[in-house]
Amino acid sequence: MLKLKEENLFKKNFLNTIYIIFLGAISSYSLPPYNYFIINFFTFSLFFIFLYTKRKKNLTSKSFFKYGWFFGFGYFLSSLYWISISLTFDESFKFLIPFAIILLPAFLGIFYGLITYLFSVFYSKRVVSSFFIFSILFGTIEFIRGSIFTGFPWNLIAFSFSENIFFIQILSVIGTYSFNLICISLFSVPGVFILRKTRKEIIVCFFFILVSISFLIFGNIKNDQFNSFDNVKNPFVIRAISPNISLDRFYSKQDELKIINELITLSDPEKKIPTIFLWPEGIIPDSYLRDMSIYKDLFFNNFGANDLIVMGLNSIETINDKNLFFNSMAVFDNKMDLIKSYNKVNLVPFGEFTPFENILGLIGLKTVANNYQSFSSGDDRAPLSIKNNEIDLSLLPLICYEIIYSGKLSKDNNFDYIVNISEDGWFGNSIGPKQHFSHSIFRSIESGKYIIRSANNGISAIINPMGVIEKKVDFGSTGYVELTESKITKSTPFMRYGNQIFFMIILIYIFLIFSFNKLTHE
């Protein structure tokens, strides 16, 4: 009899595990490039119902950590498998592929385990209170995931709405993390309706319906207002180049001159029109920033006197007799004289630097993006002020991964455009480059600025302050997009106050918990 009970318990636990992993995995299909956001109304509601009913039966907190971990593992396993593709370009990394596929989702699942563990601690028998607690914990832990150590705010559930431009205009006021918190509530609210015991639950459901409608109204008003602004013709052109140059340039000796000539041909310079040419991240394989003068005749013969070339390449600085390497964005004139440069601040763990390199280096771990040592992080990110006879503007530089951070762009918000350069070839023909690109839409709305993006083996585009893609070179294609005119917009509330707004939203949620609890006693 005891053995039968143990077998039934094992079977039940096994089915629960499969069920929760399945909910997490299915939720990932709400993300770009699929964007089936409707899925989340089922998966998040079912997850909330599962947690609420299990906690009602007084299950241990340890069990609750396990449930959150399983959900997170399924979610990230399904949505981040493509990261392992970056390990296929170097034979010495291939043995790590199975570990990358499993260990990253396993690690990120810990954050979701913390959510459900804390939910079991702060659980309330009142459905509405538990609902708000679940939302606060989920939103807060996701904020921590995007901030702690180097931060990894990839695949927040808010990105489910990346194609719903009117609905996400609220980002300009509250930012991505606040919007993510509200999305968690919105997706979970059907669970509140199913578990309803009093009219309180109906009021909560109705409240979030009104919130959704208000977002859509705000988005429509903001869109009409933006479209009413006049386009201002720029006295210059910003042209973002989108090549498909092989990643072999990082691992084998390439004809660098051939690559540069290919980029020049794709850039199609006209000399008469002052143009800023934007080339992708790390596009020059062998020369450092300080070496580029060797190509001055080539650039002088092909570009006009008022042209500027912005490119991604590595730089090296010697400090205290030690060579430091940087992933840099440099601005040159047509004589290859350096105008401005920027060193990347937010580096990719294991991609550009090895955490605890002195220890992990002993067992052979190194960075994917270079073969010498970890890149060093730049000191600060500030707009690049660029001037010549025809051009006078300020550009905020973001290199690749840096586009994913919400509320951490720059302390100085006085700039004209955001320029983002990227190398997306590390992830092959997967969903990775599409997920990466969706962050640009969110940053444009948050900042109220145009984003000009140049990606090798990825998507290059002009994205306006509404998050609308005005021009694009599709993934797998080559060509260029250019900005010749733009609308003048004001700085957004989110750019002024940043993630302070997120903490204000948390306080509002806490206020709502007490307010609905008070309704119970009346």
Protein backbone atom coordinates (compact mmCIF):
# COMPACT_ATOMS: atom_id res chain seq x y z
CA MET A 1 0.00 0.00 0.00
CA LEU A 2 2.82 2.36 0.96
CA LYS A 3 4.68 1.48 -2.21
CA LEU A 4 1.58 2.22 -4.29
CA LYS A 5 1.24 5.64 -2.64
CA GLU A 6 4.90 6.40 -3.36
CA GLU A 7 4.46 5.38 -6.99
CA ASN A 8 1.37 7.58 -7.33
CA LEU A 9 3.21 10.50 -5.70
CA PHE A 10 6.18 10.02 -8.03
CA LYS A 11 3.87 9.87 -11.05
CA LYS A 12 2.02 12.99 -9.91
CA ASN A 13 5.27 14.91 -9.34
CA PHE A 14 6.58 13.80 -12.71
CA LEU A 15 3.41 14.96 -14.48
CA ASN A 16 3.55 18.29 -12.62
CA THR A 17 7.15 18.75 -13.74
CA ILE A 18 6.32 18.06 -17.39
CA TYR A 19 3.30 20.35 -17.18
CA ILE A 20 5.29 23.30 -15.77
CA ILE A 21 8.20 22.87 -18.20
CA PHE A 22 5.65 22.73 -21.01
CA LEU A 23 4.02 26.00 -19.85
CA GLY A 24 7.42 27.72 -19.82
CA ALA A 25 8.45 26.36 -23.21
CA ILE A 26 5.15 27.29 -24.86
CA SER A 27 5.40 30.83 -23.40
CA SER A 28 8.62 31.36 -25.36
CA TYR A 29 6.62 31.34 -28.60
CA SER A 30 5.09 34.64 -27.58
CA LEU A 31 8.52 36.23 -28.09
CA PRO A 32 10.04 37.53 -31.35
CA PRO A 33 10.08 36.46 -34.08
CA TYR A 34 6.81 34.58 -33.44
CA ASN A 35 5.00 37.14 -31.25
CA TYR A 36 2.02 34.90 -30.42
CA PHE A 37 1.35 36.97 -27.29
CA ILE A 38 -2.09 35.39 -26.89
CA ILE A 39 -0.31 32.24 -25.61
CA ASN A 40 0.68 34.02 -22.41
CA PHE A 41 -2.92 34.58 -21.33
CA PHE A 42 -3.16 30.79 -21.04
CA THR A 43 0.32 29.88 -19.79
CA PHE A 44 0.71 32.59 -17.15
CA SER A 45 -2.84 32.17 -15.89
CA LEU A 46 -2.43 28.41 -15.63
CA PHE A 47 0.92 28.88 -13.89
CA PHE A 48 -0.60 31.30 -11.37
CA ILE A 49 -3.57 28.98 -10.75
CA PHE A 50 -1.19 26.05 -10.25
CA LEU A 51 0.93 27.95 -7.71
CA TYR A 52 -2.08 29.36 -5.85
CA THR A 53 -3.84 26.00 -5.51
CA LYS A 54 -0.64 24.17 -4.54
CA ARG A 55 0.19 26.76 -1.87
CA LYS A 56 -3.34 26.48 -0.55
CA LYS A 57 -2.53 22.84 0.19
CA ASN A 58 0.44 24.00 2.33
CA LEU A 59 3.18 22.58 0.11
CA THR A 60 6.74 23.36 1.25
CA SER A 61 8.68 26.36 -0.04
CA LYS A 62 11.28 23.97 -1.44
CA SER A 63 8.66 22.53 -3.78
CA PHE A 64 7.76 26.02 -4.91
CA PHE A 65 11.33 26.88 -5.85
CA LYS A 66 11.33 23.73 -7.96
CA TYR A 67 8.16 24.76 -9.82
CA GLY A 68 9.57 28.18 -10.71
CA TRP A 69 12.85 26.66 -11.82
CA PHE A 70 11.07 24.19 -14.11
CA PHE A 71 9.01 26.99 -15.69
CA GLY A 72 12.12 29.13 -16.23
CA PHE A 73 14.15 26.21 -17.55
CA GLY A 74 11.49 25.39 -20.16
CA TYR A 75 11.12 29.06 -21.09
CA PHE A 76 14.82 29.78 -21.59
CA LEU A 77 15.71 26.38 -23.07
CA SER A 78 13.18 26.99 -25.83
CA SER A 79 14.06 30.66 -26.42
CA LEU A 80 17.87 30.74 -25.95
CA TYR A 81 19.06 27.50 -27.56
CA TRP A 82 20.60 29.56 -30.36
CA ILE A 83 23.36 30.94 -28.09
CA SER A 84 25.18 27.62 -28.52
CA ILE A 85 25.64 28.40 -32.24
CA SER A 86 28.36 30.92 -31.26
CA LEU A 87 30.46 27.98 -30.07
CA THR A 88 30.50 26.26 -33.48
CA PHE A 89 33.04 28.63 -35.09
CA ASP A 90 36.04 27.50 -33.04
CA GLU A 91 36.86 23.81 -32.68
CA SER A 92 38.12 24.37 -29.13
CA PHE A 93 34.65 25.49 -28.04
CA LYS A 94 32.51 22.75 -29.58
CA PHE A 95 32.71 20.47 -26.56
CA LEU A 96 30.91 23.21 -24.59
CA ILE A 97 27.80 23.20 -26.81
CA PRO A 98 25.76 20.68 -24.72
CA PHE A 99 26.71 22.59 -21.56
CA ALA A 100 25.66 25.93 -23.09
CA ILE A 101 22.29 24.54 -24.18
CA ILE A 102 21.54 23.22 -20.69
CA LEU A 103 23.51 25.34 -18.21
CA LEU A 104 22.34 28.81 -19.28
CA PRO A 105 18.60 27.95 -18.99
CA ALA A 106 19.39 26.10 -15.75
CA PHE A 107 21.10 29.18 -14.33
CA LEU A 108 18.40 31.63 -15.48
CA GLY A 109 15.77 29.26 -14.10
CA ILE A 110 17.12 30.05 -10.62
CA PHE A 111 15.63 33.54 -10.89
CA TYR A 112 12.20 32.07 -11.62
CA GLY A 113 12.69 29.61 -8.77
CA LEU A 114 13.22 32.59 -6.46
CA ILE A 115 9.97 34.11 -7.71
CA THR A 116 7.89 31.07 -6.78
CA TYR A 117 9.80 30.46 -3.54
CA LEU A 118 9.09 34.02 -2.38
CA PHE A 119 5.50 33.66 -3.57
CA SER A 120 5.09 30.73 -1.19
CA VAL A 121 6.49 32.88 1.62
CA PHE A 122 4.30 35.94 1.00
CA TYR A 123 1.26 34.00 -0.22
CA SER A 124 -2.17 35.22 0.83
CA LYS A 125 -5.38 33.22 0.84
CA ARG A 126 -7.02 36.21 -0.83
CA VAL A 127 -6.82 35.64 -4.59
CA VAL A 128 -6.32 39.32 -5.40
CA SER A 129 -3.51 39.78 -2.89
CA SER A 130 -1.71 36.68 -4.17
CA PHE A 131 -2.14 37.94 -7.71
CA PHE A 132 -0.48 41.28 -6.95
CA ILE A 133 2.24 39.56 -4.92
CA PHE A 134 2.94 37.21 -7.84
CA SER A 135 3.18 40.18 -10.23
CA ILE A 136 5.43 42.24 -7.95
CA LEU A 137 7.79 39.35 -7.34
CA PHE A 138 7.96 38.38 -11.01
CA GLY A 139 8.55 41.97 -12.15
CA THR A 140 11.13 42.68 -9.44
CA ILE A 141 13.15 39.50 -9.99
CA GLU A 142 13.17 40.20 -13.73
CA PHE A 143 14.53 43.67 -12.96
CA ILE A 144 17.24 42.06 -10.82
CA ARG A 145 18.03 39.57 -13.62
CA GLY A 146 18.56 42.51 -15.95
CA SER A 147 20.80 44.36 -13.49
CA ILE A 148 22.80 41.97 -11.30
CA PHE A 149 26.44 41.29 -12.27
CA THR A 150 26.52 42.42 -15.91
CA GLY A 151 22.75 41.96 -16.29
CA PHE A 152 20.92 39.83 -18.84
CA PRO A 153 17.52 41.43 -19.60
CA TRP A 154 16.94 39.18 -22.60
CA ASN A 155 13.47 37.81 -23.39
CA LEU A 156 11.42 39.70 -20.84
CA ILE A 157 7.82 38.70 -21.42
CA ALA A 158 7.12 42.32 -22.41
CA PHE A 159 8.77 41.64 -25.78
CA SER A 160 5.69 39.59 -26.67
CA PHE A 161 4.16 42.92 -27.74
CA SER A 162 7.08 44.12 -29.88
CA GLU A 163 4.89 44.14 -32.99
CA ASN A 164 1.96 45.91 -31.29
CA ILE A 165 3.30 49.42 -31.81
CA PHE A 166 0.31 51.37 -30.41
CA PHE A 167 0.15 49.24 -27.27
CA ILE A 168 3.85 49.68 -26.39
CA GLN A 169 3.96 53.48 -26.74
CA ILE A 170 3.56 53.60 -22.95
CA LEU A 171 7.26 52.63 -22.85
CA SER A 172 8.08 56.29 -23.42
CA VAL A 173 6.56 57.04 -20.01
CA ILE A 174 7.15 53.98 -17.81
CA GLY A 175 9.95 52.03 -19.52
CA THR A 176 10.41 48.34 -20.23
CA TYR A 177 10.58 46.97 -16.67
CA SER A 178 7.38 48.72 -15.56
CA PHE A 179 5.67 47.58 -18.75
CA ASN A 180 6.96 44.05 -18.14
CA LEU A 181 5.43 44.07 -14.65
CA ILE A 182 2.06 45.16 -16.03
CA CYS A 183 2.28 42.52 -18.79
CA ILE A 184 2.76 39.80 -16.16
CA SER A 185 -0.38 41.03 -14.41
CA LEU A 186 -2.30 41.28 -17.66
CA PHE A 187 -1.38 37.74 -18.71
CA SER A 188 -2.22 36.34 -15.26
CA VAL A 189 -5.53 38.12 -14.79
CA PRO A 190 -7.65 35.37 -16.46
CA GLY A 191 -6.43 33.15 -13.62
CA VAL A 192 -7.90 35.64 -11.14
CA PHE A 193 -11.22 35.43 -12.97
CA ILE A 194 -11.18 31.62 -12.83
CA LEU A 195 -10.31 31.59 -9.11
CA ARG A 196 -12.76 34.39 -8.28
CA LYS A 197 -14.62 34.20 -4.97
CA THR A 198 -16.03 37.70 -4.63
CA ARG A 199 -16.69 40.74 -6.82
CA LYS A 200 -13.20 41.98 -5.91
CA GLU A 201 -11.68 39.65 -8.47
CA ILE A 202 -14.07 40.96 -11.13
CA ILE A 203 -13.00 44.53 -10.27
CA VAL A 204 -9.32 43.57 -10.75
CA CYS A 205 -10.05 41.97 -14.13
CA PHE A 206 -11.99 45.03 -15.22
CA PHE A 207 -9.21 47.31 -13.95
CA PHE A 208 -6.58 45.64 -16.15
CA ILE A 209 -8.91 45.70 -19.13
CA LEU A 210 -9.13 49.48 -18.61
CA VAL A 211 -5.34 49.68 -18.30
CA SER A 212 -4.98 47.88 -21.65
CA ILE A 213 -7.51 50.16 -23.31
CA SER A 214 -5.76 53.23 -21.89
CA PHE A 215 -2.45 52.02 -23.35
CA LEU A 216 -4.04 51.69 -26.78
CA ILE A 217 -5.67 55.13 -26.54
CA PHE A 218 -2.39 56.69 -25.43
CA GLY A 219 -0.57 54.96 -28.30
CA ASN A 220 -3.04 56.23 -30.89
CA ILE A 221 -2.86 59.79 -29.56
CA LYS A 222 0.94 59.69 -29.49
CA ASN A 223 1.03 58.29 -33.03
CA ASP A 224 -1.28 61.04 -34.35
CA GLN A 225 0.81 63.67 -32.58
CA PHE A 226 4.05 62.30 -34.03
CA ASN A 227 2.61 62.16 -37.55
CA SER A 228 1.52 65.79 -37.24
CA PHE A 229 5.15 66.92 -36.87
CA ASP A 230 6.89 68.11 -40.03
CA ASN A 231 9.83 66.19 -41.42
CA VAL A 232 13.01 68.25 -41.30
CA LYS A 233 15.43 67.73 -44.17
CA ASN A 234 18.94 67.07 -42.89
CA PRO A 235 21.91 68.78 -44.60
CA PHE A 236 23.60 65.38 -44.49
CA VAL A 237 22.78 61.68 -44.93
CA ILE A 238 23.33 58.90 -42.41
CA ARG A 239 23.78 55.64 -44.31
CA ALA A 240 23.86 52.32 -42.42
CA ILE A 241 25.61 49.54 -44.30
CA SER A 242 24.36 45.95 -44.03
CA PRO A 243 26.91 43.39 -45.32
CA ASN A 244 27.15 39.62 -44.92
CA ILE A 245 30.87 39.17 -44.36
CA SER A 246 31.86 35.78 -42.99
CA LEU A 247 32.93 35.29 -39.37
CA ASP A 248 35.93 33.39 -40.70
CA ARG A 249 37.73 36.73 -40.55
CA PHE A 250 38.09 36.24 -36.79
CA TYR A 251 39.67 32.79 -37.04
CA SER A 252 41.73 32.71 -40.21
CA LYS A 253 43.86 35.21 -42.07
CA GLN A 254 41.56 37.20 -44.32
CA ASP A 255 42.28 39.66 -47.09
CA GLU A 256 41.43 42.77 -45.08
CA LEU A 257 41.83 45.04 -48.10
CA LYS A 258 39.26 42.95 -49.97
CA ILE A 259 36.82 43.33 -47.06
CA ILE A 260 37.30 47.11 -46.97
CA ASN A 261 36.78 47.37 -50.74
CA GLU A 262 33.61 45.30 -50.41
CA LEU A 263 32.34 47.68 -47.73
CA ILE A 264 33.22 50.73 -49.83
CA THR A 265 31.36 49.27 -52.85
CA LEU A 266 28.33 48.53 -50.69
CA SER A 267 28.49 52.05 -49.20
CA ASP A 268 28.25 53.57 -52.70
CA PRO A 269 29.79 56.97 -51.74
CA GLU A 270 28.81 59.94 -53.93
CA LYS A 271 31.24 62.61 -52.59
CA LYS A 272 28.90 65.53 -53.38
CA ILE A 273 26.47 64.81 -50.53
CA PRO A 274 27.92 64.97 -46.98
CA THR A 275 27.32 61.47 -45.62
CA ILE A 276 27.96 59.61 -42.39
CA PHE A 277 28.61 55.97 -43.28
CA LEU A 278 27.85 53.51 -40.51
CA TRP A 279 29.74 50.20 -40.73
CA PRO A 280 29.04 47.22 -38.41
CA GLU A 281 30.76 46.05 -35.24
CA GLY A 282 34.22 44.47 -35.55
CA ILE A 283 34.05 44.64 -39.32
CA ILE A 284 37.80 45.27 -39.79
CA PRO A 285 39.38 41.96 -38.74
CA ASP A 286 43.11 42.52 -38.31
CA SER A 287 43.93 46.21 -37.95
CA TYR A 288 43.52 48.10 -34.70
CA LEU A 289 42.09 51.59 -34.55
CA ARG A 290 45.59 53.10 -34.44
CA ASP A 291 46.58 51.25 -37.66
CA MET A 292 43.82 52.51 -39.93
CA SER A 293 45.92 55.36 -41.34
CA ILE A 294 47.56 52.81 -43.67
CA TYR A 295 44.33 52.94 -45.71
CA LYS A 296 44.10 56.75 -45.89
CA ASP A 297 44.71 56.90 -49.68
CA LEU A 298 42.00 54.33 -50.34
CA PHE A 299 39.45 56.26 -48.27
CA PHE A 300 40.56 59.66 -49.62
CA ASN A 301 40.03 58.45 -53.19
CA ASN A 302 36.55 57.06 -52.50
CA PHE A 303 34.95 59.41 -49.96
CA GLY A 304 34.19 63.11 -50.08
CA ALA A 305 35.87 65.81 -47.99
CA ASN A 306 32.79 66.14 -45.75
CA ASP A 307 32.08 62.43 -45.41
CA LEU A 308 32.56 60.62 -42.11
CA ILE A 309 33.01 56.88 -41.63
CA VAL A 310 31.82 55.27 -38.39
CA MET A 311 33.06 51.72 -37.97
CA GLY A 312 33.47 48.98 -35.39
CA LEU A 313 36.96 47.67 -34.81
CA ASN A 314 39.26 46.70 -31.97
CA SER A 315 41.58 49.13 -30.26
CA ILE A 316 44.52 48.67 -27.94
CA GLU A 317 45.84 50.91 -25.20
CA THR A 318 48.92 50.43 -23.05
CA ILE A 319 48.30 51.36 -19.43
CA ASN A 320 50.88 50.67 -16.71
CA ASP A 321 52.89 48.52 -19.15
CA LYS A 322 49.84 46.33 -19.78
CA ASN A 323 48.02 46.06 -23.11
CA LEU A 324 44.26 46.53 -22.80
CA PHE A 325 41.97 45.59 -25.69
CA PHE A 326 38.66 47.31 -26.39
CA ASN A 327 35.69 46.71 -28.67
CA SER A 328 35.42 50.18 -30.14
CA MET A 329 33.37 52.42 -32.38
CA ALA A 330 35.48 55.01 -34.21
CA VAL A 331 34.59 58.04 -36.33
CA PHE A 332 37.08 58.89 -39.12
CA ASP A 333 37.17 61.53 -41.80
CA ASN A 334 38.03 60.65 -45.40
CA LYS A 335 41.76 60.88 -44.63
CA MET A 336 41.45 58.29 -41.84
CA ASP A 337 42.08 60.95 -39.20
CA LEU A 338 40.32 59.96 -35.99
CA ILE A 339 37.50 62.35 -35.02
CA LYS A 340 35.95 60.53 -32.05
CA SER A 341 35.99 57.06 -30.53
CA TYR A 342 34.05 55.08 -27.97
CA ASN A 343 34.98 51.91 -26.08
CA LYS A 344 32.17 49.48 -25.36
CA VAL A 345 31.03 49.58 -21.72
CA ASN A 346 28.67 46.58 -21.43
CA LEU A 347 30.59 43.49 -22.48
CA VAL A 348 29.19 40.02 -23.19
CA PRO A 349 30.21 37.43 -20.56
CA PHE A 350 32.29 34.66 -22.22
CA GLY A 351 31.73 36.37 -25.56
CA GLU A 352 33.98 39.37 -24.88
CA PHE A 353 35.32 38.76 -21.41
CA THR A 354 35.80 35.73 -19.19
CA PRO A 355 34.53 36.20 -15.64
CA PHE A 356 37.19 35.19 -13.09
CA GLU A 357 39.62 34.95 -16.00
CA ASN A 358 42.64 34.19 -13.80
CA ILE A 359 40.90 31.05 -12.54
CA LEU A 360 38.83 29.91 -15.53
CA GLY A 361 41.73 30.58 -17.89
CA LEU A 362 43.65 27.81 -16.17
CA ILE A 363 41.16 25.24 -17.49
CA GLY A 364 41.28 26.63 -21.01
CA LEU A 365 38.18 28.86 -21.04
CA LYS A 366 38.56 31.97 -23.16
CA THR A 367 36.39 34.49 -24.95
CA VAL A 368 34.54 33.61 -28.16
CA ALA A 369 35.14 36.95 -29.90
CA ASN A 370 38.94 37.09 -29.73
CA ASN A 371 41.91 34.82 -29.19
CA TYR A 372 44.18 36.97 -27.03
CA GLN A 373 42.53 38.03 -23.78
CA SER A 374 39.30 39.50 -22.47
CA PHE A 375 38.24 42.89 -23.72
CA SER A 376 38.38 45.68 -21.17
CA SER A 377 35.29 47.77 -20.47
CA GLY A 378 35.16 51.43 -21.43
CA ASP A 379 34.87 54.03 -18.69
CA ASP A 380 31.65 55.76 -19.67
CA ARG A 381 29.09 56.08 -22.44
CA ALA A 382 28.55 59.64 -23.61
CA PRO A 383 27.25 61.13 -26.87
CA LEU A 384 29.84 61.69 -29.59
CA SER A 385 29.83 65.29 -30.78
CA ILE A 386 30.68 65.29 -34.49
CA LYS A 387 31.45 68.42 -36.50
CA ASN A 388 32.90 69.35 -39.85
CA ASN A 389 32.05 71.94 -42.51
CA GLU A 390 28.65 70.39 -43.26
CA ILE A 391 27.83 68.13 -40.30
CA ASP A 392 27.09 69.12 -36.71
CA LEU A 393 25.29 66.57 -34.58
CA SER A 394 25.56 64.36 -31.52
CA LEU A 395 25.34 60.56 -31.72
CA LEU A 396 24.87 58.14 -28.83
CA PRO A 397 26.96 55.03 -29.57
CA LEU A 398 25.68 51.56 -28.69
CA ILE A 399 27.71 48.53 -29.70
CA CYS A 400 25.74 45.30 -30.24
CA TYR A 401 24.66 43.94 -26.83
CA GLU A 402 24.40 47.44 -25.31
CA ILE A 403 21.05 48.00 -27.02
CA ILE A 404 19.38 45.51 -24.63
CA TYR A 405 19.69 47.65 -21.48
CA SER A 406 16.68 49.71 -20.45
CA GLY A 407 17.33 52.92 -18.52
CA LYS A 408 21.11 52.65 -18.83
CA LEU A 409 21.87 54.42 -22.08
CA SER A 410 23.65 57.59 -20.94
CA LYS A 411 23.69 60.20 -18.20
CA ASP A 412 23.62 62.83 -20.94
CA ASN A 413 20.32 62.76 -22.84
CA ASN A 414 21.23 65.66 -25.10
CA PHE A 415 21.91 63.85 -28.36
CA ASP A 416 20.32 63.71 -31.81
CA TYR A 417 20.35 60.04 -32.79
CA ILE A 418 21.28 56.62 -31.45
CA VAL A 419 23.66 54.63 -33.63
CA ASN A 420 23.86 50.90 -33.03
CA ILE A 421 26.43 48.65 -34.71
CA SER A 422 26.33 44.89 -34.37
CA GLU A 423 27.76 41.56 -35.50
CA ASP A 424 24.90 39.06 -35.49
CA GLY A 425 26.66 36.30 -37.41
CA TRP A 426 27.56 34.52 -34.17
CA PHE A 427 24.05 33.08 -34.04
CA GLY A 428 23.65 31.88 -37.61
CA ASN A 429 20.28 31.57 -39.25
CA SER A 430 18.41 31.35 -35.93
CA ILE A 431 15.86 33.42 -34.04
CA GLY A 432 18.69 35.14 -32.11
CA PRO A 433 19.28 38.08 -34.49
CA LYS A 434 15.52 38.75 -34.65
CA GLN A 435 15.27 38.79 -30.86
CA HIS A 436 18.27 41.12 -30.72
CA PHE A 437 16.69 43.49 -33.22
CA SER A 438 13.43 43.75 -31.24
CA HIS A 439 15.32 45.51 -28.43
CA SER A 440 15.98 48.39 -30.82
CA ILE A 441 12.24 48.98 -31.14
CA PHE A 442 11.88 49.24 -27.36
CA ARG A 443 14.90 51.58 -26.99
CA SER A 444 13.62 53.92 -29.69
CA ILE A 445 10.25 54.36 -27.97
CA GLU A 446 11.80 54.71 -24.51
CA SER A 447 14.26 57.35 -25.68
CA GLY A 448 12.08 59.13 -28.22
CA LYS A 449 15.01 59.04 -30.64
CA TYR A 450 15.70 57.62 -34.08
CA ILE A 451 17.91 54.54 -34.07
CA ILE A 452 20.19 53.90 -37.02
CA ARG A 453 21.36 50.28 -36.92
CA SER A 454 24.11 48.67 -38.97
CA ALA A 455 24.47 44.90 -38.56
CA ASN A 456 26.70 42.40 -40.29
CA ASN A 457 24.83 39.12 -40.87
CA GLY A 458 21.78 40.70 -39.25
CA ILE A 459 19.04 43.29 -39.66
CA SER A 460 19.97 46.88 -40.43
CA ALA A 461 17.29 49.53 -40.12
CA ILE A 462 16.10 53.05 -39.47
CA ILE A 463 13.68 52.99 -36.54
CA ASN A 464 11.78 56.14 -35.67
CA PRO A 465 10.87 57.36 -32.14
CA MET A 466 7.55 55.52 -32.38
CA GLY A 467 9.34 52.20 -32.83
CA VAL A 468 8.23 52.06 -36.47
CA ILE A 469 10.75 50.53 -38.84
CA GLU A 470 10.95 53.14 -41.61
CA LYS A 471 13.59 51.34 -43.66
CA LYS A 472 15.15 47.91 -43.31
CA VAL A 473 17.61 45.49 -44.89
CA ASP A 474 16.17 42.07 -44.10
CA PHE A 475 18.10 39.32 -42.39
CA GLY A 476 20.24 37.47 -44.95
CA SER A 477 20.28 40.39 -47.42
CA THR A 478 22.90 43.03 -48.18
CA GLY A 479 22.48 46.72 -48.92
CA TYR A 480 22.03 49.90 -46.97
CA VAL A 481 19.40 52.13 -45.40
CA GLU A 482 19.72 55.87 -45.04
CA LEU A 483 18.25 58.67 -42.98
CA THR A 484 17.81 61.90 -44.93
CA GLU A 485 15.09 63.59 -42.87
CA SER A 486 13.58 63.25 -39.43
CA LYS A 487 11.03 64.70 -37.06
CA ILE A 488 12.19 66.74 -34.07
CA THR A 489 10.94 65.19 -30.84
CA LYS A 490 11.30 66.01 -27.14
CA SER A 491 12.97 63.85 -24.52
CA THR A 492 10.56 61.29 -23.06
CA PRO A 493 9.58 61.08 -19.37
CA PHE A 494 11.38 57.75 -19.17
CA MET A 495 14.63 59.26 -20.44
CA ARG A 496 14.38 61.92 -17.73
CA TYR A 497 13.51 59.64 -14.81
CA GLY A 498 14.65 56.19 -15.94
CA ASN A 499 13.89 53.17 -13.78
CA GLN A 500 12.82 55.33 -10.84
CA ILE A 501 9.41 54.96 -12.47
CA PHE A 502 9.60 51.18 -12.02
CA PHE A 503 9.89 51.57 -8.26
CA MET A 504 6.94 53.97 -8.30
CA ILE A 505 4.86 51.31 -10.07
CA ILE A 506 5.89 48.79 -7.40
CA LEU A 507 4.60 51.19 -4.72
CA ILE A 508 1.31 51.54 -6.62
CA TYR A 509 0.96 47.73 -6.66
CA ILE A 510 1.57 47.58 -2.91
CA PHE A 511 -1.05 50.30 -2.44
CA LEU A 512 -3.49 48.23 -4.52
CA ILE A 513 -2.90 45.20 -2.27
CA PHE A 514 -3.85 47.20 0.82
CA SER A 515 -6.77 48.85 -0.98
CA PHE A 516 -8.31 45.55 -2.08
CA ASN A 517 -7.67 44.03 1.35
CA LYS A 518 -9.59 46.93 2.84
CA LEU A 519 -12.49 46.23 0.48
CA THR A 520 -12.66 42.72 1.94
CA HIS A 521 -13.37 44.04 5.43
CA GLU A 522 -16.07 46.48 4.34
